[in-house]
PDB file of N, CA and C in Angstrom:
ATOM      1  N   UNK A   1      94.988  83.032  85.740  1.00  0.00           N
ATOM      2  CA  UNK A   1      95.638  83.883  85.897  1.00  0.00           C
ATOM      3  C   UNK A   1      95.818  84.649  87.482  1.00  0.00           C
ATOM      4  N   UNK A   2      96.596  84.899  87.822  1.00  0.00           N
ATOM      5  CA  UNK A   2      96.584  85.845  89.309  1.00  0.00           C
ATOM      6  C   UNK A   2      98.104  87.052  88.721  1.00  0.00           C
ATOM      7  N   UNK A   3      97.069  88.431  88.743  1.00  0.00           N
ATOM      8  CA  UNK A   3      97.866  89.236  88.021  1.00  0.00           C
ATOM      9  C   UNK A   3      97.351  90.169  89.617  1.00  0.00           C
ATOM     10  N   UNK A   4      99.102  91.341  89.715  1.00  0.00           N
ATOM     11  CA  UNK A   4      99.017  91.559  90.830  1.00  0.00           C
ATOM     12  C   UNK A   4      99.736  92.698  90.508  1.00  0.00           C
ATOM     13  N   UNK A   5      98.562  94.086  91.551  1.00  0.00           N
ATOM     14  CA  UNK A   5      99.480  95.080  91.032  1.00  0.00           C
ATOM     15  C   UNK A   5      99.857  95.491  92.608  1.00  0.00           C
ATOM     16  N   UNK A   6     100.892  96.595  93.070  1.00  0.00           N
ATOM     17  CA  UNK A   6     101.515  97.097  93.862  1.00  0.00           C
ATOM     18  C   UNK A   6     101.043  98.329  93.805  1.00  0.00           C
ATOM     19  N   UNK A   7     100.325  99.288  94.952  1.00  0.00           N
ATOM     20  CA  UNK A   7      99.833 100.685  93.877  1.00  0.00           C
ATOM     21  C   UNK A   7     100.537 101.101  96.007  1.00  0.00           C
ATOM     22  N   UNK A   8     101.687 101.862  95.758  1.00  0.00           N
ATOM     23  CA  UNK A   8     102.217 102.978  96.886  1.00  0.00           C
ATOM     24  C   UNK A   8     101.338 104.611  97.243  1.00  0.00           C
ATOM     25  N   UNK A   9     100.187 104.933  96.273  1.00  0.00           N
ATOM     26  CA  UNK A   9     100.027 105.774  96.788  1.00  0.00           C
ATOM     27  C   UNK A   9      97.589 105.728  96.899  1.00  0.00           C
ATOM     28  N   UNK A  10      97.312 106.157  97.820  1.00  0.00           N
ATOM     29  CA  UNK A  10      95.672 106.514  98.127  1.00  0.00           C
ATOM     30  C   UNK A  10      95.443 107.543  97.278  1.00  0.00           C
ATOM     31  N   UNK A  11      94.204 107.170  97.077  1.00  0.00           N
ATOM     32  CA  UNK A  11      92.734 107.270  96.139  1.00  0.00           C
ATOM     33  C   UNK A  11      93.329 107.799  94.448  1.00  0.00           C
ATOM     34  N   UNK A  12      93.645 106.496  94.705  1.00  0.00           N
ATOM     35  CA  UNK A  12      94.296 106.397  93.341  1.00  0.00           C
ATOM     36  C   UNK A  12      92.757 105.600  92.261  1.00  0.00           C
ATOM     37  N   UNK A  13      92.402 105.741  91.147  1.00  0.00           N
ATOM     38  CA  UNK A  13      91.381 104.258  90.958  1.00  0.00           C
ATOM     39  C   UNK A  13      92.096 104.177  89.209  1.00  0.00           C
ATOM     40  N   UNK A  14      91.635 102.746  89.096  1.00  0.00           N
ATOM     41  CA  UNK A  14      92.912 102.288  88.225  1.00  0.00           C
ATOM     42  C   UNK A  14      91.508 101.245  87.228  1.00  0.00           C
ATOM     43  N   UNK A  15      92.130 101.578  86.194  1.00  0.00           N
ATOM     44  CA  UNK A  15      90.957 100.945  85.013  1.00  0.00           C
ATOM     45  C   UNK A  15      91.511 100.155  84.145  1.00  0.00           C
ATOM     46  N   UNK A  16      91.077  98.555  84.250  1.00  0.00           N
ATOM     47  CA  UNK A  16      91.646  97.207  83.262  1.00  0.00           C
ATOM     48  C   UNK A  16      90.936  96.601  82.479  1.00  0.00           C
ATOM     49  N   UNK A  17      91.193  96.558  81.121  1.00  0.00           N
ATOM     50  CA  UNK A  17      90.096  95.463  80.330  1.00  0.00           C
ATOM     51  C   UNK A  17      90.915  94.744  80.005  1.00  0.00           C
ATOM     52  N   UNK A  18      90.078  93.736  79.832  1.00  0.00           N
ATOM     53  CA  UNK A  18      90.715  92.327  80.375  1.00  0.00           C
ATOM     54  C   UNK A  18      89.983  91.651  79.281  1.00  0.00           C
ATOM     55  N   UNK A  19      91.100  90.795  78.262  1.00  0.00           N
ATOM     56  CA  UNK A  19      90.028  89.668  77.126  1.00  0.00           C
ATOM     57  C   UNK A  19      90.683  88.182  77.474  1.00  0.00           C
ATOM     58  N   UNK A  20      89.482  87.103  77.205  1.00  0.00           N
ATOM     59  CA  UNK A  20      89.196  86.650  77.385  1.00  0.00           C
ATOM     60  C   UNK A  20      88.812  85.722  76.340  1.00  0.00           C
ATOM     61  N   UNK A  21      89.443  84.353  76.081  1.00  0.00           N
ATOM     62  CA  UNK A  21      88.641  83.449  74.740  1.00  0.00           C
ATOM     63  C   UNK A  21      87.274  82.373  76.158  1.00  0.00           C
ATOM     64  N   UNK A  22      87.142  82.675  77.129  1.00  0.00           N
ATOM     65  CA  UNK A  22      85.952  82.231  78.392  1.00  0.00           C
ATOM     66  C   UNK A  22      85.030  81.809  77.919  1.00  0.00           C
ATOM     67  N   UNK A  23      84.293  81.396  78.299  1.00  0.00           N
ATOM     68  CA  UNK A  23      82.497  81.774  77.361  1.00  0.00           C
ATOM     69  C   UNK A  23      81.503  81.631  78.782  1.00  0.00           C
ATOM     70  N   UNK A  24      81.665  82.296  79.404  1.00  0.00           N
ATOM     71  CA  UNK A  24      81.172  82.707  80.695  1.00  0.00           C
ATOM     72  C   UNK A  24      79.780  84.026  80.453  1.00  0.00           C
ATOM     73  N   UNK A  25      79.362  83.909  79.351  1.00  0.00           N
ATOM     74  CA  UNK A  25      77.928  84.753  78.973  1.00  0.00           C
ATOM     75  C   UNK A  25      78.011  86.063  79.811  1.00  0.00           C
ATOM     76  N   UNK A  26      78.662  86.788  79.590  1.00  0.00           N
ATOM     77  CA  UNK A  26      79.297  88.011  79.788  1.00  0.00           C
ATOM     78  C   UNK A  26      78.910  88.336  81.259  1.00  0.00           C
ATOM     79  N   UNK A  27      79.194  86.908  82.005  1.00  0.00           N
ATOM     80  CA  UNK A  27      78.599  87.243  83.476  1.00  0.00           C
ATOM     81  C   UNK A  27      80.189  86.827  84.398  1.00  0.00           C
ATOM     82  N   UNK A  28      80.229  88.067  85.710  1.00  0.00           N
ATOM     83  CA  UNK A  28      81.982  88.177  86.091  1.00  0.00           C
ATOM     84  C   UNK A  28      81.058  88.238  87.200  1.00  0.00           C
ATOM     85  N   UNK A  29      82.068  88.040  88.317  1.00  0.00           N
ATOM     86  CA  UNK A  29      82.052  88.197  89.677  1.00  0.00           C
ATOM     87  C   UNK A  29      83.174  89.043  90.708  1.00  0.00           C
ATOM     88  N   UNK A  30      82.425  90.294  91.480  1.00  0.00           N
ATOM     89  CA  UNK A  30      83.357  90.617  91.955  1.00  0.00           C
ATOM     90  C   UNK A  30      83.024  91.006  92.920  1.00  0.00           C
ATOM     91  N   UNK A  31      83.707  91.543  93.856  1.00  0.00           N
ATOM     92  CA  UNK A  31      83.849  91.266  95.545  1.00  0.00           C
ATOM     93  C   UNK A  31      83.632  92.574  96.340  1.00  0.00           C
ATOM     94  N   UNK A  32      82.766  93.222  96.993  1.00  0.00           N
ATOM     95  CA  UNK A  32      82.529  94.349  97.305  1.00  0.00           C
ATOM     96  C   UNK A  32      82.976  94.676  98.673  1.00  0.00           C
ATOM     97  N   UNK A  33      83.151  94.023  99.346  1.00  0.00           N
ATOM     98  CA  UNK A  33      84.158  94.454 100.517  1.00  0.00           C
ATOM     99  C   UNK A  33      85.110  93.449 101.216  1.00  0.00           C
ATOM    100  N   UNK A  34      85.412  92.775 100.542  1.00  0.00           N
ATOM    101  CA  UNK A  34      87.082  91.322 100.369  1.00  0.00           C
ATOM    102  C   UNK A  34      86.418  90.019 101.103  1.00  0.00           C
ATOM    103  N   UNK A  35      84.811  90.083 101.229  1.00  0.00           N
ATOM    104  CA  UNK A  35      84.304  88.896 101.698  1.00  0.00           C
ATOM    105  C   UNK A  35      82.928  88.941 101.049  1.00  0.00           C
ATOM    106  N   UNK A  36      82.483  89.449  99.870  1.00  0.00           N
ATOM    107  CA  UNK A  36      81.419  89.145  99.421  1.00  0.00           C
ATOM    108  C   UNK A  36      81.149  89.224  98.476  1.00  0.00           C
ATOM    109  N   UNK A  37      80.786  88.234  97.299  1.00  0.00           N
ATOM    110  CA  UNK A  37      80.827  88.719  95.876  1.00  0.00           C
ATOM    111  C   UNK A  37      79.861  89.096  95.188  1.00  0.00           C
ATOM    112  N   UNK A  38      79.059  89.640  94.426  1.00  0.00           N
ATOM    113  CA  UNK A  38      78.476  90.069  93.487  1.00  0.00           C
ATOM    114  C   UNK A  38      78.481  89.503  92.361  1.00  0.00           C
ATOM    115  N   UNK A  39      76.921  89.029  92.210  1.00  0.00           N
ATOM    116  CA  UNK A  39      77.731  88.620  89.794  1.00  0.00           C
ATOM    117  C   UNK A  39      77.074  89.508  89.527  1.00  0.00           C
ATOM    118  N   UNK A  40      77.953  89.599  87.998  1.00  0.00           N
ATOM    119  CA  UNK A  40      77.400  91.166  88.110  1.00  0.00           C
ATOM    120  C   UNK A  40      77.565  90.797  85.839  1.00  0.00           C
ATOM    121  N   UNK A  41      77.381  91.794  84.941  1.00  0.00           N
ATOM    122  CA  UNK A  41      76.831  91.424  83.609  1.00  0.00           C
ATOM    123  C   UNK A  41      77.148  92.409  82.462  1.00  0.00           C
ATOM    124  N   UNK A  42      77.870  91.780  81.838  1.00  0.00           N
ATOM    125  CA  UNK A  42      78.435  93.300  80.691  1.00  0.00           C
ATOM    126  C   UNK A  42      77.268  92.636  79.850  1.00  0.00           C
ATOM    127  N   UNK A  43      77.355  94.069  80.255  1.00  0.00           N
ATOM    128  CA  UNK A  43      76.596  94.558  79.017  1.00  0.00           C
ATOM    129  C   UNK A  43      77.024  95.603  78.046  1.00  0.00           C
ATOM    130  N   UNK A  44      76.930  94.580  76.749  1.00  0.00           N
ATOM    131  CA  UNK A  44      78.164  95.026  75.601  1.00  0.00           C
ATOM    132  C   UNK A  44      77.020  96.521  74.989  1.00  0.00           C
ATOM    133  N   UNK A  45      75.285  96.853  75.153  1.00  0.00           N
ATOM    134  CA  UNK A  45      74.358  97.678  74.863  1.00  0.00           C
ATOM    135  C   UNK A  45      75.151  99.532  75.449  1.00  0.00           C
ATOM    136  N   UNK A  46      75.053  99.748  76.034  1.00  0.00           N
ATOM    137  CA  UNK A  46      75.362 100.457  76.820  1.00  0.00           C
ATOM    138  C   UNK A  46      77.394 100.780  77.006  1.00  0.00           C
ATOM    139  N   UNK A  47      77.200 102.241  77.142  1.00  0.00           N
ATOM    140  CA  UNK A  47      78.174 102.373  77.149  1.00  0.00           C
ATOM    141  C   UNK A  47      79.484 102.184  77.496  1.00  0.00           C
ATOM    142  N   UNK A  48      80.591 102.328  77.614  1.00  0.00           N
ATOM    143  CA  UNK A  48      81.538 101.394  78.337  1.00  0.00           C
ATOM    144  C   UNK A  48      81.831 102.031  79.940  1.00  0.00           C
ATOM    145  N   UNK A  49      81.897 102.392  80.309  1.00  0.00           N
ATOM    146  CA  UNK A  49      81.697 103.448  82.070  1.00  0.00           C
ATOM    147  C   UNK A  49      80.477 102.636  82.133  1.00  0.00           C
ATOM    148  N   UNK A  50      79.372 102.069  81.708  1.00  0.00           N
ATOM    149  CA  UNK A  50      78.334 101.194  82.472  1.00  0.00           C
ATOM    150  C   UNK A  50      78.426 100.244  83.280  1.00  0.00           C
ATOM    151  N   UNK A  51      79.760  99.786  82.508  1.00  0.00           N
ATOM    152  CA  UNK A  51      79.711  98.334  83.327  1.00  0.00           C
ATOM    153  C   UNK A  51      81.165  98.022  83.963  1.00  0.00           C
ATOM    154  N   UNK A  52      81.644  99.571  84.414  1.00  0.00           N
ATOM    155  CA  UNK A  52      82.915  99.889  85.440  1.00  0.00           C
ATOM    156  C   UNK A  52      82.186  99.037  86.875  1.00  0.00           C
ATOM    157  N   UNK A  53      83.375  98.072  88.216  1.00  0.00           N
ATOM    158  CA  UNK A  53      82.079  97.755  89.461  1.00  0.00           C
ATOM    159  C   UNK A  53      83.310  97.934  90.140  1.00  0.00           C
ATOM    160  N   UNK A  54      83.564  98.313  91.450  1.00  0.00           N
ATOM    161  CA  UNK A  54      83.869  98.708  92.354  1.00  0.00           C
ATOM    162  C   UNK A  54      84.620  97.047  92.418  1.00  0.00           C
ATOM    163  N   UNK A  55      85.899  97.309  93.370  1.00  0.00           N
ATOM    164  CA  UNK A  55      86.802  95.720  92.739  1.00  0.00           C
ATOM    165  C   UNK A  55      88.039  95.667  94.409  1.00  0.00           C
ATOM    166  N   UNK A  56      87.653  95.461  95.184  1.00  0.00           N
ATOM    167  CA  UNK A  56      88.505  95.441  96.288  1.00  0.00           C
ATOM    168  C   UNK A  56      89.797  94.729  96.352  1.00  0.00           C
ATOM    169  N   UNK A  57      89.268  93.426  96.114  1.00  0.00           N
ATOM    170  CA  UNK A  57      90.640  91.981  96.203  1.00  0.00           C
ATOM    171  C   UNK A  57      90.580  91.489  94.964  1.00  0.00           C
ATOM    172  N   UNK A  58      89.340  90.649  94.487  1.00  0.00           N
ATOM    173  CA  UNK A  58      89.170  90.181  93.180  1.00  0.00           C
ATOM    174  C   UNK A  58      88.335  89.937  91.995  1.00  0.00           C
ATOM    175  N   UNK A  59      88.450  89.751  91.503  1.00  0.00           N
ATOM    176  CA  UNK A  59      86.969  89.145  89.747  1.00  0.00           C
ATOM    177  C   UNK A  59      87.751  87.262  90.389  1.00  0.00           C
ATOM    178  N   UNK A  60      86.541  87.381  89.937  1.00  0.00           N
ATOM    179  CA  UNK A  60      85.819  85.979  88.932  1.00  0.00           C
ATOM    180  C   UNK A  60      85.630  85.979  87.673  1.00  0.00           C
ATOM    181  N   UNK A  61      86.225  85.221  87.010  1.00  0.00           N
ATOM    182  CA  UNK A  61      85.622  84.509  85.908  1.00  0.00           C
ATOM    183  C   UNK A  61      85.086  83.064  85.361  1.00  0.00           C
ATOM    184  N   UNK A  62      84.376  82.505  85.061  1.00  0.00           N
ATOM    185  CA  UNK A  62      84.010  81.351  85.032  1.00  0.00           C
ATOM    186  C   UNK A  62      83.631  80.861  83.274  1.00  0.00           C
ATOM    187  N   UNK A  63      84.152  80.026  83.108  1.00  0.00           N
ATOM    188  CA  UNK A  63      84.052  79.483  82.002  1.00  0.00           C
ATOM    189  C   UNK A  63      83.033  78.436  82.057  1.00  0.00           C
ATOM    190  N   UNK A  64      81.994  78.502  81.141  1.00  0.00           N
ATOM    191  CA  UNK A  64      80.985  77.018  80.879  1.00  0.00           C
ATOM    192  C   UNK A  64      80.807  75.913  80.788  1.00  0.00           C
ATOM    193  N   UNK A  65      82.482  75.352  80.310  1.00  0.00           N
ATOM    194  CA  UNK A  65      82.548  74.027  80.031  1.00  0.00           C
ATOM    195  C   UNK A  65      83.634  73.318  81.274  1.00  0.00           C
TER     196      UNK A  65
END
């Protein structure tokens, strides 16, 4: 899936919630600076706001199969 959003304003924060059937063990990757990927884990026992991560250009979900 490729999702593109165009924003013509600065200093705006977007929050997206995606649902998928991917079997990834709640692990995903986000970029920190457009260059380096950081592994993240979705913690379902914590409040939703603790699972917000900064995202510069991309996020990656890998299916185990």
